[in-house]
Amino acid sequence: MYLTVLGINHRTAPVEVRGQVTFPPEQLARALAELTALDGMHEAVILSTCNRTEVYCTRDDTSCEAISAWLCRFHRLDEASMQPHFYTYSESEAVRHILRVAAGLDSMVLGEPQILGQMKNAYQQALQANSINTLVNRLFQYTFSVAKQIRTDTAIGASAVSVAFAAVSLARQIFGKLENQTALLIGAGETIELTARHLHEQGIGKIIIANRTVSRAHDLAAQFNGYGIGLDEIPAHLEEADIVISSTASSEPLITRKQVKAGLKKRKHRPVFMVDIAVPQDIASDVAELDDVYLYTVDDLTQVIAENLRSREEAALQAEEIVDNQVERFMAWIRSLDAVPTVRAYRDYADALGAAELAKAHRQLDNGAPPQEVVEALTRSLIRKLTHNPSVNLRSAAAEGKTGLLEAIRTLFHLNAHDKK
């Protein structure tokens, strides 16, 4: 069997093409059943995210033609037009690719952690569909272990590389723990939703979300045990906000210097951390001149993210070294599987000889033979029969000049070590 990967991702296809080959959860069981039913296919896992769709499998050969044909057939796509977007890997390169994906080294955002959870989910779905066996099961367990090692031993995921995460990381630098802080988030788009999620994960005390559509603000805030308000209510809530993060499409500032100054007075000048992600700005630029206000713009965060990306790129070099080492270790385990049938056959042969000699010894004991004589005879006979065929074949190999076989036997039974005693 050969390990094989066929995939399509953000590097090989635009989003509209990637969207055509995704697998909704309700389709996966049927897809895996069809995939493993293909000729020459043994095991299969399907990973499907917004940035990639990949098939990990074991086959009788390394060809991926049947997989790509099936993928296009399943989604009713023209194979000729899709073919340029596919990539394939086999054996050690397949293992390398899977390890790199799990570690975030192949992600759109270098080192992002979400992909590992998505891979674990894909693995669980394959388990439930009974589409994997020993080799792929071992591969995924190994992959999860290596990904954990990379997260532990390198700084691949230590630095913020998204605007939302960078904003929350800066808030933690200023306030430390956030459980006693209140965050006022302005807007209800993707960035604000992601910011709210990060703040909630960091244990923020309270979240208030302000939006032009109040119902949308309420719906989003409810996910994080917060509450929503309208944009016109912002000034009334500035006094309780320790953190203000804004990202709207407003054409003019929503927060003025006068409003912030009034809020600071009511706060008795407790510091406020403000992040304005919007372009044009939601927070008037002269707010930064006020004491006790730490105001960051999207440009400030971009610089932080650029520095953090450089840090992740350095960590990625370390991660790639770990991947290289672990690929070789896994491939060594795969090669060791070739010995399993031979080991099993040799053990069966030895068990059969042992059973025959033991039966013979029991008969001798039943006939009244002295136990010591029986044990000694059994031992001599078993040794003679176990060594007869190897001895004959070794003499024949020596006569024919097959020194490699002689050396292999010496290595197999550690005979060189015995010579030194």
Protein backbone atom coordinates (compact mmCIF):
# COMPACT_ATOMS: atom_id res chain seq x y z
CA MET A 1 0.00 0.00 0.00
CA TYR A 2 1.08 3.56 -0.71
CA LEU A 3 0.22 6.76 1.15
CA THR A 4 -1.23 9.31 -1.25
CA VAL A 5 -2.59 12.86 -1.02
CA LEU A 6 -4.66 14.77 -3.58
CA GLY A 7 -5.72 18.32 -2.81
CA ILE A 8 -6.66 21.82 -3.82
CA ASN A 9 -5.97 24.89 -1.67
CA HIS A 10 -5.67 28.69 -1.49
CA ARG A 11 -2.37 28.58 -3.37
CA THR A 12 -3.66 26.60 -6.34
CA ALA A 13 -7.22 27.88 -6.78
CA PRO A 14 -9.32 31.03 -6.15
CA VAL A 15 -12.10 30.91 -3.59
CA GLU A 16 -14.85 30.44 -6.19
CA VAL A 17 -13.11 27.27 -7.46
CA ARG A 18 -12.35 25.95 -3.95
CA GLY A 19 -15.99 26.43 -3.04
CA GLN A 20 -17.04 23.96 -5.72
CA VAL A 21 -15.22 21.03 -4.11
CA THR A 22 -16.07 21.47 -0.45
CA PHE A 23 -17.87 18.71 1.47
CA PRO A 24 -20.66 19.74 3.87
CA PRO A 25 -20.68 17.50 6.99
CA GLU A 26 -23.87 15.75 5.88
CA GLN A 27 -22.14 14.56 2.67
CA LEU A 28 -18.98 13.15 4.22
CA ALA A 29 -20.21 9.67 5.14
CA ARG A 30 -21.45 9.04 1.58
CA ALA A 31 -18.30 10.55 0.08
CA LEU A 32 -16.00 8.37 2.19
CA ALA A 33 -18.01 5.26 1.34
CA GLU A 34 -17.74 6.01 -2.39
CA LEU A 35 -14.06 6.88 -2.13
CA THR A 36 -13.03 3.70 -0.32
CA ALA A 37 -15.06 1.65 -2.82
CA LEU A 38 -12.81 2.74 -5.70
CA ASP A 39 -10.54 0.06 -7.16
CA GLY A 40 -7.22 -0.13 -5.35
CA MET A 41 -8.35 2.13 -2.48
CA HIS A 42 -7.95 0.95 1.11
CA GLU A 43 -8.33 3.90 3.51
CA ALA A 44 -9.43 7.52 3.15
CA VAL A 45 -9.87 10.77 5.11
CA ILE A 46 -11.38 13.93 3.63
CA LEU A 47 -10.34 17.34 5.01
CA SER A 48 -12.64 20.11 3.77
CA THR A 49 -12.26 23.77 4.87
CA CYS A 50 -12.76 27.15 3.23
CA ASN A 51 -9.09 27.16 2.20
CA ARG A 52 -8.51 23.54 1.20
CA THR A 53 -10.05 20.22 0.27
CA GLU A 54 -7.67 17.26 0.60
CA VAL A 55 -7.99 13.49 0.36
CA TYR A 56 -5.53 11.43 2.43
CA CYS A 57 -5.57 7.75 1.52
CA THR A 58 -3.74 4.45 1.07
CA ARG A 59 -3.84 2.79 -2.36
CA ASP A 60 -2.37 -0.09 -4.29
CA ASP A 61 -0.37 2.47 -6.30
CA THR A 62 0.52 6.17 -6.11
CA SER A 63 -1.70 7.27 -9.00
CA CYS A 64 -4.31 9.91 -8.14
CA GLU A 65 -6.22 9.81 -11.42
CA ALA A 66 -9.06 7.77 -9.94
CA ILE A 67 -9.32 10.14 -6.97
CA SER A 68 -9.46 13.32 -9.06
CA ALA A 69 -11.97 11.72 -11.44
CA TRP A 70 -14.16 10.70 -8.51
CA LEU A 71 -13.89 14.16 -6.88
CA CYS A 72 -15.04 15.88 -10.07
CA ARG A 73 -17.78 13.29 -10.59
CA PHE A 74 -19.06 13.74 -7.03
CA HIS A 75 -19.32 17.52 -7.46
CA ARG A 76 -20.37 17.35 -11.13
CA LEU A 77 -17.37 19.33 -12.36
CA ASP A 78 -15.39 19.20 -15.58
CA GLU A 79 -12.22 17.26 -14.76
CA ALA A 80 -10.11 18.90 -17.49
CA SER A 81 -10.78 22.40 -16.12
CA MET A 82 -10.15 21.31 -12.52
CA GLN A 83 -6.97 19.32 -13.13
CA PRO A 84 -4.58 22.35 -13.13
CA HIS A 85 -5.71 23.21 -9.58
CA PHE A 86 -4.91 19.80 -8.05
CA TYR A 87 -1.64 18.79 -6.38
CA THR A 88 -0.56 15.30 -5.37
CA TYR A 89 1.97 13.79 -2.95
CA SER A 90 2.95 10.20 -2.21
CA GLU A 91 4.84 8.32 0.49
CA SER A 92 7.35 10.52 2.39
CA GLU A 93 6.19 13.70 0.62
CA ALA A 94 2.60 12.85 1.58
CA VAL A 95 3.66 12.48 5.23
CA ARG A 96 5.59 15.75 5.05
CA HIS A 97 2.59 17.57 3.60
CA ILE A 98 0.19 16.29 6.27
CA LEU A 99 2.57 17.25 9.09
CA ARG A 100 3.05 20.74 7.60
CA VAL A 101 -0.70 21.25 7.24
CA ALA A 102 -1.37 20.23 10.87
CA ALA A 103 1.36 22.57 12.13
CA GLY A 104 -0.05 25.55 10.22
CA LEU A 105 3.01 25.74 7.96
CA ASP A 106 0.86 25.46 4.82
CA SER A 107 -1.89 27.84 5.97
CA MET A 108 -2.87 31.21 4.53
CA VAL A 109 -1.97 32.68 7.95
CA LEU A 110 1.32 31.08 8.97
CA GLY A 111 0.99 29.05 12.16
CA GLU A 112 -2.78 29.46 12.57
CA PRO A 113 -4.13 26.87 15.05
CA GLN A 114 -7.63 26.27 13.65
CA ILE A 115 -6.45 23.79 11.00
CA LEU A 116 -5.36 21.26 13.63
CA GLY A 117 -8.88 21.15 15.08
CA GLN A 118 -10.29 20.77 11.57
CA MET A 119 -7.95 17.84 10.91
CA LYS A 120 -8.99 16.18 14.17
CA ASN A 121 -12.62 16.58 13.16
CA ALA A 122 -11.92 15.05 9.72
CA TYR A 123 -10.18 12.11 11.43
CA GLN A 124 -13.13 11.54 13.78
CA GLN A 125 -15.57 11.58 10.86
CA ALA A 126 -13.45 9.00 9.03
CA LEU A 127 -13.40 6.83 12.14
CA GLN A 128 -17.19 6.98 12.35
CA ALA A 129 -17.43 6.08 8.65
CA ASN A 130 -15.02 3.11 9.12
CA SER A 131 -12.91 4.43 6.25
CA ILE A 132 -9.51 4.10 7.95
CA ASN A 133 -7.40 1.25 9.24
CA THR A 134 -3.99 0.73 10.83
CA LEU A 135 -1.74 2.87 8.63
CA VAL A 136 -3.84 6.03 8.29
CA ASN A 137 -4.97 5.77 11.91
CA ARG A 138 -1.32 5.66 13.01
CA LEU A 139 -0.47 8.53 10.64
CA PHE A 140 -3.08 10.86 12.12
CA GLN A 141 -2.19 10.01 15.71
CA TYR A 142 1.44 10.69 14.83
CA THR A 143 0.49 13.95 13.08
CA PHE A 144 -1.38 15.25 16.12
CA SER A 145 1.60 14.42 18.34
CA VAL A 146 4.07 16.22 16.03
CA ALA A 147 1.80 19.28 15.76
CA LYS A 148 1.67 19.46 19.56
CA GLN A 149 5.48 19.18 19.71
CA ILE A 150 5.87 22.05 17.23
CA ARG A 151 3.46 24.24 19.23
CA THR A 152 5.37 23.45 22.42
CA ASP A 153 8.95 23.69 21.12
CA THR A 154 8.63 26.69 18.78
CA ALA A 155 6.94 30.11 18.82
CA ILE A 156 4.96 29.35 15.65
CA GLY A 157 1.67 30.40 17.26
CA ALA A 158 2.87 32.77 19.96
CA SER A 159 2.47 36.10 18.15
CA ALA A 160 -0.70 37.79 16.92
CA VAL A 161 -0.99 37.91 13.14
CA SER A 162 -4.62 39.02 12.71
CA VAL A 163 -5.99 42.48 13.44
CA ALA A 164 -8.51 41.11 15.95
CA PHE A 165 -5.98 38.96 17.79
CA ALA A 166 -3.41 41.78 17.77
CA ALA A 167 -5.93 44.15 19.35
CA VAL A 168 -6.78 41.69 22.12
CA SER A 169 -3.09 40.90 22.70
CA LEU A 170 -2.34 44.60 23.17
CA ALA A 171 -5.24 44.87 25.62
CA ARG A 172 -3.75 42.04 27.67
CA GLN A 173 -0.37 43.78 27.68
CA ILE A 174 -1.97 46.91 29.14
CA PHE A 175 -4.43 45.37 31.62
CA GLY A 176 -2.98 41.93 32.26
CA LYS A 177 -5.97 39.74 33.11
CA LEU A 178 -9.22 40.96 31.57
CA GLU A 179 -11.83 39.50 33.93
CA ASN A 180 -12.48 42.88 35.59
CA GLN A 181 -12.55 44.87 32.34
CA THR A 182 -15.46 45.99 30.15
CA ALA A 183 -15.08 46.06 26.38
CA LEU A 184 -17.15 48.30 24.09
CA LEU A 185 -17.04 46.96 20.53
CA ILE A 186 -18.39 49.16 17.76
CA GLY A 187 -19.65 47.44 14.61
CA ALA A 188 -20.91 43.91 14.04
CA GLY A 189 -18.88 42.67 11.09
CA GLU A 190 -16.44 39.78 10.86
CA THR A 191 -13.55 41.61 12.55
CA ILE A 192 -15.65 42.69 15.54
CA GLU A 193 -17.15 39.20 15.84
CA LEU A 194 -13.65 37.67 15.87
CA THR A 195 -12.49 40.29 18.39
CA ALA A 196 -15.43 39.46 20.66
CA ARG A 197 -14.57 35.78 20.41
CA HIS A 198 -10.93 36.39 21.38
CA LEU A 199 -11.96 38.64 24.28
CA HIS A 200 -14.46 36.04 25.50
CA GLU A 201 -11.78 33.33 25.35
CA GLN A 202 -9.50 35.59 27.43
CA GLY A 203 -12.17 35.87 30.13
CA ILE A 204 -13.28 39.49 29.55
CA GLY A 205 -15.59 40.74 32.30
CA LYS A 206 -18.27 42.31 30.11
CA ILE A 207 -18.88 42.92 26.40
CA ILE A 208 -21.04 45.71 24.96
CA ILE A 209 -21.60 45.78 21.21
CA ALA A 210 -22.80 48.96 19.47
CA ASN A 211 -24.16 48.81 15.94
CA ARG A 212 -26.35 50.82 13.59
CA THR A 213 -28.76 47.87 13.48
CA VAL A 214 -29.47 47.27 17.17
CA SER A 215 -30.99 43.81 16.63
CA ARG A 216 -27.74 42.64 15.02
CA ALA A 217 -25.82 44.06 18.01
CA HIS A 218 -28.09 42.16 20.42
CA ASP A 219 -27.76 38.88 18.48
CA LEU A 220 -23.96 39.07 18.35
CA ALA A 221 -23.55 40.17 21.98
CA ALA A 222 -25.81 37.35 23.18
CA GLN A 223 -23.23 34.81 21.97
CA PHE A 224 -20.77 36.21 24.52
CA ASN A 225 -23.10 36.97 27.44
CA GLY A 226 -23.06 40.67 26.55
CA TYR A 227 -25.68 43.16 25.40
CA GLY A 228 -26.20 45.38 22.36
CA ILE A 229 -26.81 49.12 21.97
CA GLY A 230 -27.33 51.59 19.14
CA LEU A 231 -24.58 53.91 17.89
CA ASP A 232 -26.33 56.88 19.47
CA GLU A 233 -25.89 55.26 22.91
CA ILE A 234 -22.07 55.12 22.71
CA PRO A 235 -21.38 58.36 24.65
CA ALA A 236 -23.44 57.11 27.61
CA HIS A 237 -21.35 53.92 27.84
CA LEU A 238 -17.85 55.38 27.40
CA GLU A 239 -17.44 55.84 31.14
CA GLU A 240 -17.69 52.09 31.81
CA ALA A 241 -15.54 51.02 28.85
CA ASP A 242 -11.94 50.05 29.68
CA ILE A 243 -11.42 48.77 26.12
CA VAL A 244 -12.94 50.34 23.00
CA ILE A 245 -12.45 48.63 19.64
CA SER A 246 -14.20 50.02 16.56
CA SER A 247 -14.58 48.76 13.00
CA THR A 248 -17.44 50.26 10.98
CA ALA A 249 -17.95 51.71 7.51
CA SER A 250 -18.89 55.14 8.84
CA SER A 251 -17.75 58.07 6.71
CA GLU A 252 -17.12 60.26 9.77
CA PRO A 253 -15.89 59.72 13.35
CA LEU A 254 -18.36 58.10 15.74
CA ILE A 255 -16.37 59.04 18.85
CA THR A 256 -15.10 62.59 19.43
CA ARG A 257 -12.48 64.04 21.74
CA LYS A 258 -15.21 65.81 23.72
CA GLN A 259 -17.11 62.56 24.33
CA VAL A 260 -14.00 60.69 25.46
CA LYS A 261 -12.94 63.56 27.71
CA ALA A 262 -16.34 63.52 29.40
CA GLY A 263 -16.12 59.75 29.84
CA LEU A 264 -12.63 60.00 31.37
CA LYS A 265 -13.87 62.54 33.89
CA LYS A 266 -16.63 60.17 35.04
CA ARG A 267 -14.08 57.34 35.14
CA LYS A 268 -11.86 59.46 37.39
CA HIS A 269 -9.17 59.14 34.72
CA ARG A 270 -8.82 55.38 34.81
CA PRO A 271 -6.95 54.50 31.57
CA VAL A 272 -8.79 53.52 28.40
CA PHE A 273 -7.36 51.35 25.63
CA MET A 274 -8.82 52.23 22.23
CA VAL A 275 -8.26 50.54 18.86
CA ASP A 276 -9.61 52.11 15.67
CA ILE A 277 -9.54 49.51 12.92
CA ALA A 278 -11.79 51.50 10.58
CA VAL A 279 -10.72 53.35 7.43
CA PRO A 280 -11.71 56.21 7.53
CA GLN A 281 -11.31 56.42 11.29
CA ASP A 282 -14.21 55.86 13.70
CA ILE A 283 -12.36 57.61 16.56
CA ALA A 284 -11.24 61.21 16.09
CA SER A 285 -7.45 61.36 15.80
CA ASP A 286 -7.12 64.10 18.45
CA VAL A 287 -8.43 61.63 21.06
CA ALA A 288 -4.85 60.34 21.18
CA GLU A 289 -3.76 63.66 22.74
CA LEU A 290 -5.79 62.99 25.90
CA ASP A 291 -4.01 61.72 28.99
CA ASP A 292 -4.99 58.21 30.10
CA VAL A 293 -5.95 57.17 26.55
CA TYR A 294 -3.96 54.58 24.60
CA LEU A 295 -5.19 54.90 21.01
CA TYR A 296 -3.99 52.54 18.27
CA THR A 297 -4.95 52.75 14.60
CA VAL A 298 -5.03 50.04 11.98
CA ASP A 299 -1.58 51.23 10.82
CA ASP A 300 -0.17 50.67 14.31
CA LEU A 301 -1.59 47.14 14.36
CA THR A 302 -0.25 46.45 10.89
CA GLN A 303 3.27 47.19 12.14
CA VAL A 304 2.74 44.89 15.13
CA ILE A 305 1.46 42.14 12.84
CA ALA A 306 4.41 42.55 10.45
CA GLU A 307 6.87 42.15 13.35
CA ASN A 308 4.98 39.14 14.63
CA LEU A 309 4.93 37.54 11.19
CA ARG A 310 8.72 37.82 11.06
CA SER A 311 8.83 36.09 14.44
CA ARG A 312 6.59 33.30 13.14
CA GLU A 313 8.72 32.91 10.02
CA GLU A 314 11.77 32.33 12.22
CA ALA A 315 9.81 29.79 14.26
CA ALA A 316 8.66 28.14 11.03
CA LEU A 317 12.27 27.32 10.17
CA GLN A 318 12.54 25.41 13.45
CA ALA A 319 9.21 23.73 12.76
CA GLU A 320 10.38 22.58 9.32
CA GLU A 321 13.40 20.89 10.93
CA ILE A 322 11.09 19.03 13.30
CA VAL A 323 8.93 17.96 10.35
CA ASP A 324 11.97 16.67 8.44
CA ASN A 325 13.04 14.52 11.40
CA GLN A 326 9.55 13.20 12.07
CA VAL A 327 8.92 12.31 8.42
CA GLU A 328 11.93 10.00 8.48
CA ARG A 329 10.80 8.41 11.75
CA PHE A 330 7.34 7.69 10.39
CA MET A 331 8.68 6.30 7.13
CA ALA A 332 10.99 4.02 9.14
CA TRP A 333 7.89 2.68 10.92
CA ILE A 334 6.20 2.08 7.55
CA ARG A 335 9.26 0.20 6.27
CA SER A 336 9.21 -1.93 9.40
CA LEU A 337 5.75 -3.18 8.38
CA ASP A 338 7.41 -5.09 5.51
CA ALA A 339 8.97 -7.41 8.09
CA VAL A 340 5.66 -8.28 9.78
CA PRO A 341 4.68 -11.27 7.53
CA THR A 342 8.19 -12.74 7.79
CA VAL A 343 8.28 -12.31 11.57
CA ARG A 344 4.83 -13.90 11.87
CA ALA A 345 5.83 -16.83 9.64
CA TYR A 346 9.04 -17.43 11.63
CA ARG A 347 7.15 -17.36 14.93
CA ASP A 348 4.50 -19.76 13.59
CA TYR A 349 7.31 -22.08 12.42
CA ALA A 350 9.00 -21.94 15.86
CA ASP A 351 5.65 -22.44 17.66
CA ALA A 352 4.91 -25.53 15.53
CA LEU A 353 8.33 -27.05 16.27
CA GLY A 354 7.94 -26.27 19.97
CA ALA A 355 4.44 -27.80 20.12
CA ALA A 356 5.63 -30.99 18.39
CA GLU A 357 8.60 -31.40 20.72
CA LEU A 358 6.46 -30.66 23.77
CA ALA A 359 3.92 -33.31 22.74
CA LYS A 360 6.76 -35.78 22.28
CA ALA A 361 8.12 -34.94 25.76
CA HIS A 362 4.67 -35.46 27.34
CA ARG A 363 4.46 -38.91 25.77
CA GLN A 364 7.88 -39.81 27.15
CA LEU A 365 6.89 -38.63 30.63
CA ASP A 366 3.64 -40.58 30.43
CA ASN A 367 5.72 -43.68 29.58
CA GLY A 368 7.80 -43.20 32.74
CA ALA A 369 10.96 -41.60 31.31
CA PRO A 370 13.01 -39.62 33.87
CA PRO A 371 11.98 -35.90 33.75
CA GLN A 372 15.58 -34.62 33.58
CA GLU A 373 16.34 -36.82 30.56
CA VAL A 374 13.13 -35.71 28.86
CA VAL A 375 13.91 -31.99 29.38
CA GLU A 376 17.47 -32.42 28.10
CA ALA A 377 16.29 -34.37 25.05
CA LEU A 378 13.60 -31.78 24.31
CA THR A 379 16.13 -28.95 24.48
CA ARG A 380 18.67 -30.71 22.21
CA SER A 381 16.02 -31.67 19.67
CA LEU A 382 14.46 -28.20 19.57
CA ILE A 383 17.84 -26.48 19.13
CA ARG A 384 18.81 -28.95 16.38
CA LYS A 385 15.59 -28.43 14.44
CA LEU A 386 15.62 -24.62 14.82
CA THR A 387 19.20 -24.36 13.56
CA HIS A 388 19.21 -27.09 10.87
CA ASN A 389 17.72 -25.17 7.92
CA PRO A 390 19.58 -21.89 8.69
CA SER A 391 22.88 -23.81 9.01
CA VAL A 392 22.39 -25.61 5.67
CA ASN A 393 21.49 -22.35 3.90
CA LEU A 394 24.40 -20.45 5.50
CA ARG A 395 26.91 -23.07 4.28
CA SER A 396 25.38 -22.85 0.82
CA ALA A 397 25.57 -19.03 0.90
CA ALA A 398 29.22 -19.14 1.95
CA ALA A 399 30.06 -21.56 -0.88
CA GLU A 400 28.38 -19.24 -3.37
CA GLY A 401 30.14 -16.15 -1.96
CA LYS A 402 26.95 -14.56 -0.60
CA THR A 403 28.72 -12.80 2.26
CA GLY A 404 25.84 -10.33 2.68
CA LEU A 405 23.59 -13.05 4.00
CA LEU A 406 26.28 -14.22 6.44
CA GLU A 407 26.74 -10.68 7.78
CA ALA A 408 22.96 -10.19 8.03
CA ILE A 409 22.69 -13.30 10.21
CA ARG A 410 25.53 -12.13 12.44
CA THR A 411 23.72 -8.79 12.85
CA LEU A 412 20.32 -10.44 13.37
CA PHE A 413 21.55 -12.64 16.23
CA HIS A 414 24.18 -10.21 17.61
CA LEU A 415 26.92 -12.77 16.92
CA ASN A 416 29.60 -10.07 16.51
CA ALA A 417 28.96 -9.03 20.10
CA HIS A 418 29.36 -12.64 21.23
CA ASP A 419 32.73 -12.89 19.42
CA LYS A 420 34.08 -10.06 21.59
CA LYS A 421 33.26 -11.82 24.86
